[in-house]
Structure formats: C-alpha cells, structure tokens
C-alpha cells in the first residue's frame, strides 16, 4: 500500500490553512490504521515527520522526539 496523493494534498491544505489540530488528527488516524501496511519507507517517514512537527508546533516536545526517533 502507498499513500494516496489526494490524501497528501488534503494534509498540505490543512497545513497551509494552519489547521494543525485537524491535520494532526487526520495524520494520527491514518498512521494508526495503515502504518504497518505501507510498503514504501518514504510514506512512513512522511507520517512520522508530520506527526513530530505537529507535536512540536503544539509545544509537545517529548512526543515530537518520540516520532523523530
């Protein structure tokens, strides 16, 4: 499985509109449901990086470090 381009565009749109809480919720749900089914490492890095950065923006540095690891 690979991440759908339409879903990625949706996340980037939320990101540009500074809807960080909604973006975080969407990425978290997708990550929990499909992370182990993803075939490409780039998709996993995309999800982990987005989660880490969203947590950092929301001042949750400990959780951000978890996703960076």
PDB file of N, CA and C in Angstrom:
ATOM      1  N   UNK A   1       0.845  -1.184   0.000  1.00  0.00           N
ATOM      2  CA  UNK A   1       0.000   0.000   0.000  1.00  0.00           C
ATOM      3  C   UNK A   1       0.886   1.242   0.000  1.00  0.00           C
ATOM      4  N   UNK A   2       0.456   2.258  -0.695  1.00  0.00           N
ATOM      5  CA  UNK A   2       1.128   3.553  -0.695  1.00  0.00           C
ATOM      6  C   UNK A   2       0.099   4.627  -0.362  1.00  0.00           C
ATOM      7  N   UNK A   3       0.581   5.763   0.106  1.00  0.00           N
ATOM      8  CA  UNK A   3      -0.320   6.856   0.477  1.00  0.00           C
ATOM      9  C   UNK A   3      -0.888   7.491  -0.785  1.00  0.00           C
ATOM     10  N   UNK A   4      -2.175   7.725  -0.773  1.00  0.00           N
ATOM     11  CA  UNK A   4      -2.891   8.343  -1.885  1.00  0.00           C
ATOM     12  C   UNK A   4      -2.522   9.826  -1.996  1.00  0.00           C
ATOM     13  N   UNK A   5      -2.279  10.285  -3.209  1.00  0.00           N
ATOM     14  CA  UNK A   5      -1.904  11.678  -3.437  1.00  0.00           C
ATOM     15  C   UNK A   5      -2.972  12.667  -3.009  1.00  0.00           C
ATOM     16  N   UNK A   6      -4.235  12.302  -3.152  1.00  0.00           N
ATOM     17  CA  UNK A   6      -5.323  13.191  -2.743  1.00  0.00           C
ATOM     18  C   UNK A   6      -5.300  13.407  -1.228  1.00  0.00           C
ATOM     19  N   UNK A   7      -4.978  12.352  -0.491  1.00  0.00           N
ATOM     20  CA  UNK A   7      -4.908  12.478   0.969  1.00  0.00           C
ATOM     21  C   UNK A   7      -3.753  13.392   1.370  1.00  0.00           C
ATOM     22  N   UNK A   8      -2.629  13.254   0.691  1.00  0.00           N
ATOM     23  CA  UNK A   8      -1.467  14.106   0.978  1.00  0.00           C
ATOM     24  C   UNK A   8      -1.814  15.561   0.695  1.00  0.00           C
ATOM     25  N   UNK A   9      -2.492  15.829  -0.403  1.00  0.00           N
ATOM     26  CA  UNK A   9      -2.902  17.196  -0.727  1.00  0.00           C
ATOM     27  C   UNK A   9      -3.833  17.755   0.334  1.00  0.00           C
ATOM     28  N   UNK A  10      -4.711  16.910   0.859  1.00  0.00           N
ATOM     29  CA  UNK A  10      -5.619  17.338   1.927  1.00  0.00           C
ATOM     30  C   UNK A  10      -4.832  17.764   3.163  1.00  0.00           C
ATOM     31  N   UNK A  11      -3.817  16.986   3.515  1.00  0.00           N
ATOM     32  CA  UNK A  11      -2.986  17.312   4.676  1.00  0.00           C
ATOM     33  C   UNK A  11      -2.229  18.617   4.439  1.00  0.00           C
ATOM     34  N   UNK A  12      -1.654  18.776   3.257  1.00  0.00           N
ATOM     35  CA  UNK A  12      -0.941  20.014   2.948  1.00  0.00           C
ATOM     36  C   UNK A  12      -1.879  21.219   2.962  1.00  0.00           C
ATOM     37  N   UNK A  13      -3.114  21.039   2.500  1.00  0.00           N
ATOM     38  CA  UNK A  13      -4.095  22.127   2.533  1.00  0.00           C
ATOM     39  C   UNK A  13      -4.404  22.521   3.978  1.00  0.00           C
ATOM     40  N   UNK A  14      -4.601  21.535   4.837  1.00  0.00           N
ATOM     41  CA  UNK A  14      -4.838  21.821   6.258  1.00  0.00           C
ATOM     42  C   UNK A  14      -3.633  22.531   6.864  1.00  0.00           C
ATOM     43  N   UNK A  15      -2.449  22.093   6.466  1.00  0.00           N
ATOM     44  CA  UNK A  15      -1.203  22.668   6.966  1.00  0.00           C
ATOM     45  C   UNK A  15      -1.108  24.143   6.559  1.00  0.00           C
ATOM     46  N   UNK A  16      -1.386  24.441   5.304  1.00  0.00           N
ATOM     47  CA  UNK A  16      -1.315  25.817   4.812  1.00  0.00           C
ATOM     48  C   UNK A  16      -2.348  26.710   5.482  1.00  0.00           C
ATOM     49  N   UNK A  17      -3.503  26.148   5.803  1.00  0.00           N
ATOM     50  CA  UNK A  17      -4.555  26.914   6.475  1.00  0.00           C
ATOM     51  C   UNK A  17      -4.340  26.982   7.986  1.00  0.00           C
ATOM     52  N   UNK A  18      -3.226  26.436   8.447  1.00  0.00           N
ATOM     53  CA  UNK A  18      -2.851  26.405   9.866  1.00  0.00           C
ATOM     54  C   UNK A  18      -3.900  25.713  10.728  1.00  0.00           C
ATOM     55  N   UNK A  19      -4.514  24.705  10.179  1.00  0.00           N
ATOM     56  CA  UNK A  19      -5.470  23.859  10.903  1.00  0.00           C
ATOM     57  C   UNK A  19      -4.691  22.682  11.491  1.00  0.00           C
ATOM     58  N   UNK A  20      -3.777  22.971  12.400  1.00  0.00           N
ATOM     59  CA  UNK A  20      -2.845  21.969  12.899  1.00  0.00           C
ATOM     60  C   UNK A  20      -3.525  20.857  13.692  1.00  0.00           C
ATOM     61  N   UNK A  21      -4.513  21.195  14.473  1.00  0.00           N
ATOM     62  CA  UNK A  21      -5.213  20.175  15.259  1.00  0.00           C
ATOM     63  C   UNK A  21      -5.930  19.171  14.359  1.00  0.00           C
ATOM     64  N   UNK A  22      -6.583  19.679  13.326  1.00  0.00           N
ATOM     65  CA  UNK A  22      -7.295  18.797  12.399  1.00  0.00           C
ATOM     66  C   UNK A  22      -6.293  17.948  11.616  1.00  0.00           C
ATOM     67  N   UNK A  23      -5.201  18.568  11.167  1.00  0.00           N
ATOM     68  CA  UNK A  23      -4.167  17.834  10.432  1.00  0.00           C
ATOM     69  C   UNK A  23      -3.571  16.739  11.317  1.00  0.00           C
ATOM     70  N   UNK A  24      -3.319  17.065  12.568  1.00  0.00           N
ATOM     71  CA  UNK A  24      -2.765  16.087  13.497  1.00  0.00           C
ATOM     72  C   UNK A  24      -3.714  14.905  13.664  1.00  0.00           C
ATOM     73  N   UNK A  25      -4.977  15.186  13.819  1.00  0.00           N
ATOM     74  CA  UNK A  25      -5.975  14.130  13.989  1.00  0.00           C
ATOM     75  C   UNK A  25      -6.045  13.233  12.751  1.00  0.00           C
ATOM     76  N   UNK A  26      -6.032  13.842  11.569  1.00  0.00           N
ATOM     77  CA  UNK A  26      -6.094  13.077  10.325  1.00  0.00           C
ATOM     78  C   UNK A  26      -4.863  12.193  10.146  1.00  0.00           C
ATOM     79  N   UNK A  27      -3.684  12.766  10.381  1.00  0.00           N
ATOM     80  CA  UNK A  27      -2.443  12.006  10.224  1.00  0.00           C
ATOM     81  C   UNK A  27      -2.391  10.880  11.260  1.00  0.00           C
ATOM     82  N   UNK A  28      -2.786  11.176  12.490  1.00  0.00           N
ATOM     83  CA  UNK A  28      -2.754  10.164  13.542  1.00  0.00           C
ATOM     84  C   UNK A  28      -3.667   8.988  13.202  1.00  0.00           C
ATOM     85  N   UNK A  29      -4.884   9.286  12.757  1.00  0.00           N
ATOM     86  CA  UNK A  29      -5.817   8.216  12.392  1.00  0.00           C
ATOM     87  C   UNK A  29      -5.260   7.359  11.262  1.00  0.00           C
ATOM     88  N   UNK A  30      -4.732   8.022  10.235  1.00  0.00           N
ATOM     89  CA  UNK A  30      -4.178   7.296   9.098  1.00  0.00           C
ATOM     90  C   UNK A  30      -2.993   6.447   9.533  1.00  0.00           C
ATOM     91  N   UNK A  31      -2.134   7.038  10.373  1.00  0.00           N
ATOM     92  CA  UNK A  31      -0.939   6.322  10.840  1.00  0.00           C
ATOM     93  C   UNK A  31      -1.319   5.083  11.643  1.00  0.00           C
ATOM     94  N   UNK A  32      -2.284   5.215  12.514  1.00  0.00           N
ATOM     95  CA  UNK A  32      -2.688   4.084  13.344  1.00  0.00           C
ATOM     96  C   UNK A  32      -3.338   2.975  12.510  1.00  0.00           C
ATOM     97  N   UNK A  33      -4.038   3.346  11.477  1.00  0.00           N
ATOM     98  CA  UNK A  33      -4.762   2.366  10.677  1.00  0.00           C
ATOM     99  C   UNK A  33      -3.887   1.670   9.644  1.00  0.00           C
ATOM    100  N   UNK A  34      -2.965   2.405   9.012  1.00  0.00           N
ATOM    101  CA  UNK A  34      -2.261   1.867   7.853  1.00  0.00           C
ATOM    102  C   UNK A  34      -0.741   1.766   7.978  1.00  0.00           C
ATOM    103  N   UNK A  35      -0.147   2.195   9.068  1.00  0.00           N
ATOM    104  CA  UNK A  35       1.322   2.287   9.160  1.00  0.00           C
ATOM    105  C   UNK A  35       2.011   0.966   8.815  1.00  0.00           C
ATOM    106  N   UNK A  36       1.553  -0.131   9.368  1.00  0.00           N
ATOM    107  CA  UNK A  36       2.200  -1.423   9.121  1.00  0.00           C
ATOM    108  C   UNK A  36       1.899  -1.996   7.737  1.00  0.00           C
ATOM    109  N   UNK A  37       0.931  -1.424   7.053  1.00  0.00           N
ATOM    110  CA  UNK A  37       0.584  -1.893   5.709  1.00  0.00           C
ATOM    111  C   UNK A  37       1.325  -1.124   4.616  1.00  0.00           C
ATOM    112  N   UNK A  38       1.999  -0.027   4.978  1.00  0.00           N
ATOM    113  CA  UNK A  38       2.689   0.784   3.985  1.00  0.00           C
ATOM    114  C   UNK A  38       3.926   0.058   3.460  1.00  0.00           C
ATOM    115  N   UNK A  39       4.122   0.131   2.157  1.00  0.00           N
ATOM    116  CA  UNK A  39       5.226  -0.561   1.509  1.00  0.00           C
ATOM    117  C   UNK A  39       6.474   0.308   1.383  1.00  0.00           C
ATOM    118  N   UNK A  40       6.287   1.593   1.180  1.00  0.00           N
ATOM    119  CA  UNK A  40       7.423   2.489   0.949  1.00  0.00           C
ATOM    120  C   UNK A  40       7.857   3.159   2.246  1.00  0.00           C
ATOM    121  N   UNK A  41       9.167   3.193   2.469  1.00  0.00           N
ATOM    122  CA  UNK A  41       9.703   3.847   3.660  1.00  0.00           C
ATOM    123  C   UNK A  41       9.430   5.353   3.614  1.00  0.00           C
ATOM    124  N   UNK A  42       9.352   5.918   2.411  1.00  0.00           N
ATOM    125  CA  UNK A  42       9.076   7.347   2.266  1.00  0.00           C
ATOM    126  C   UNK A  42       7.719   7.716   2.854  1.00  0.00           C
ATOM    127  N   UNK A  43       6.753   6.826   2.718  1.00  0.00           N
ATOM    128  CA  UNK A  43       5.426   7.086   3.283  1.00  0.00           C
ATOM    129  C   UNK A  43       5.463   7.068   4.804  1.00  0.00           C
ATOM    130  N   UNK A  44       6.219   6.137   5.361  1.00  0.00           N
ATOM    131  CA  UNK A  44       6.337   6.077   6.819  1.00  0.00           C
ATOM    132  C   UNK A  44       7.060   7.305   7.358  1.00  0.00           C
ATOM    133  N   UNK A  45       8.100   7.735   6.654  1.00  0.00           N
ATOM    134  CA  UNK A  45       8.831   8.938   7.062  1.00  0.00           C
ATOM    135  C   UNK A  45       7.920  10.160   6.981  1.00  0.00           C
ATOM    136  N   UNK A  46       7.113  10.231   5.922  1.00  0.00           N
ATOM    137  CA  UNK A  46       6.170  11.348   5.780  1.00  0.00           C
ATOM    138  C   UNK A  46       5.253  11.427   6.990  1.00  0.00           C
ATOM    139  N   UNK A  47       4.677  10.296   7.379  1.00  0.00           N
ATOM    140  CA  UNK A  47       3.754  10.284   8.519  1.00  0.00           C
ATOM    141  C   UNK A  47       4.457  10.647   9.826  1.00  0.00           C
ATOM    142  N   UNK A  48       5.622  10.040  10.061  1.00  0.00           N
ATOM    143  CA  UNK A  48       6.343  10.309  11.307  1.00  0.00           C
ATOM    144  C   UNK A  48       6.807  11.757  11.386  1.00  0.00           C
ATOM    145  N   UNK A  49       7.301  12.280  10.267  1.00  0.00           N
ATOM    146  CA  UNK A  49       7.757  13.666  10.259  1.00  0.00           C
ATOM    147  C   UNK A  49       6.593  14.623  10.509  1.00  0.00           C
ATOM    148  N   UNK A  50       5.462  14.384   9.860  1.00  0.00           N
ATOM    149  CA  UNK A  50       4.298  15.249  10.067  1.00  0.00           C
ATOM    150  C   UNK A  50       3.845  15.214  11.523  1.00  0.00           C
ATOM    151  N   UNK A  51       3.774  14.024  12.089  1.00  0.00           N
ATOM    152  CA  UNK A  51       3.349  13.914  13.499  1.00  0.00           C
ATOM    153  C   UNK A  51       4.341  14.632  14.407  1.00  0.00           C
ATOM    154  N   UNK A  52       5.625  14.443  14.167  1.00  0.00           N
ATOM    155  CA  UNK A  52       6.645  15.081  15.010  1.00  0.00           C
ATOM    156  C   UNK A  52       6.550  16.599  14.911  1.00  0.00           C
ATOM    157  N   UNK A  53       6.432  17.097  13.702  1.00  0.00           N
ATOM    158  CA  UNK A  53       6.387  18.547  13.527  1.00  0.00           C
ATOM    159  C   UNK A  53       5.105  19.145  14.109  1.00  0.00           C
ATOM    160  N   UNK A  54       3.993  18.463  13.935  1.00  0.00           N
ATOM    161  CA  UNK A  54       2.743  18.949  14.517  1.00  0.00           C
ATOM    162  C   UNK A  54       2.823  18.984  16.043  1.00  0.00           C
ATOM    163  N   UNK A  55       3.414  17.960  16.624  1.00  0.00           N
ATOM    164  CA  UNK A  55       3.572  17.952  18.085  1.00  0.00           C
ATOM    165  C   UNK A  55       4.507  19.075  18.533  1.00  0.00           C
ATOM    166  N   UNK A  56       5.545  19.340  17.764  1.00  0.00           N
ATOM    167  CA  UNK A  56       6.470  20.419  18.096  1.00  0.00           C
ATOM    168  C   UNK A  56       5.770  21.773  18.036  1.00  0.00           C
ATOM    169  N   UNK A  57       4.959  21.981  17.007  1.00  0.00           N
ATOM    170  CA  UNK A  57       4.210  23.234  16.875  1.00  0.00           C
ATOM    171  C   UNK A  57       3.270  23.421  18.060  1.00  0.00           C
ATOM    172  N   UNK A  58       2.693  22.320  18.521  1.00  0.00           N
ATOM    173  CA  UNK A  58       1.739  22.380  19.628  1.00  0.00           C
ATOM    174  C   UNK A  58       2.415  22.300  20.995  1.00  0.00           C
ATOM    175  N   UNK A  59       3.742  22.452  20.997  1.00  0.00           N
ATOM    176  CA  UNK A  59       4.556  22.529  22.224  1.00  0.00           C
ATOM    177  C   UNK A  59       4.651  21.204  22.996  1.00  0.00           C
ATOM    178  N   UNK A  60       4.501  20.089  22.308  1.00  0.00           N
ATOM    179  CA  UNK A  60       4.655  18.773  22.927  1.00  0.00           C
ATOM    180  C   UNK A  60       5.996  18.185  22.501  1.00  0.00           C
ATOM    181  N   UNK A  61       7.074  18.715  23.059  1.00  0.00           N
ATOM    182  CA  UNK A  61       8.417  18.340  22.601  1.00  0.00           C
ATOM    183  C   UNK A  61       8.765  16.890  22.901  1.00  0.00           C
ATOM    184  N   UNK A  62       8.310  16.360  24.014  1.00  0.00           N
ATOM    185  CA  UNK A  62       8.610  14.966  24.330  1.00  0.00           C
ATOM    186  C   UNK A  62       7.983  14.002  23.307  1.00  0.00           C
ATOM    187  N   UNK A  63       6.764  14.274  22.945  1.00  0.00           N
ATOM    188  CA  UNK A  63       6.096  13.424  21.957  1.00  0.00           C
ATOM    189  C   UNK A  63       6.702  13.643  20.574  1.00  0.00           C
ATOM    190  N   UNK A  64       7.089  14.878  20.261  1.00  0.00           N
ATOM    191  CA  UNK A  64       7.758  15.149  18.985  1.00  0.00           C
ATOM    192  C   UNK A  64       9.049  14.330  18.881  1.00  0.00           C
ATOM    193  N   UNK A  65       9.803  14.268  19.950  1.00  0.00           N
ATOM    194  CA  UNK A  65      11.035  13.476  19.943  1.00  0.00           C
ATOM    195  C   UNK A  65      10.754  12.010  19.741  1.00  0.00           C
ATOM    196  N   UNK A  66       9.645  11.524  20.253  1.00  0.00           N
ATOM    197  CA  UNK A  66       9.260  10.119  20.045  1.00  0.00           C
ATOM    198  C   UNK A  66       9.094   9.827  18.551  1.00  0.00           C
ATOM    199  N   UNK A  67       8.405  10.706  17.847  1.00  0.00           N
ATOM    200  CA  UNK A  67       8.179  10.484  16.413  1.00  0.00           C
ATOM    201  C   UNK A  67       9.462  10.660  15.604  1.00  0.00           C
ATOM    202  N   UNK A  68      10.365  11.537  16.054  1.00  0.00           N
ATOM    203  CA  UNK A  68      11.631  11.702  15.339  1.00  0.00           C
ATOM    204  C   UNK A  68      12.523  10.476  15.472  1.00  0.00           C
ATOM    205  N   UNK A  69      12.358   9.733  16.543  1.00  0.00           N
ATOM    206  CA  UNK A  69      13.163   8.517  16.726  1.00  0.00           C
ATOM    207  C   UNK A  69      12.656   7.454  15.817  1.00  0.00           C
TER     208      UNK A  69
END
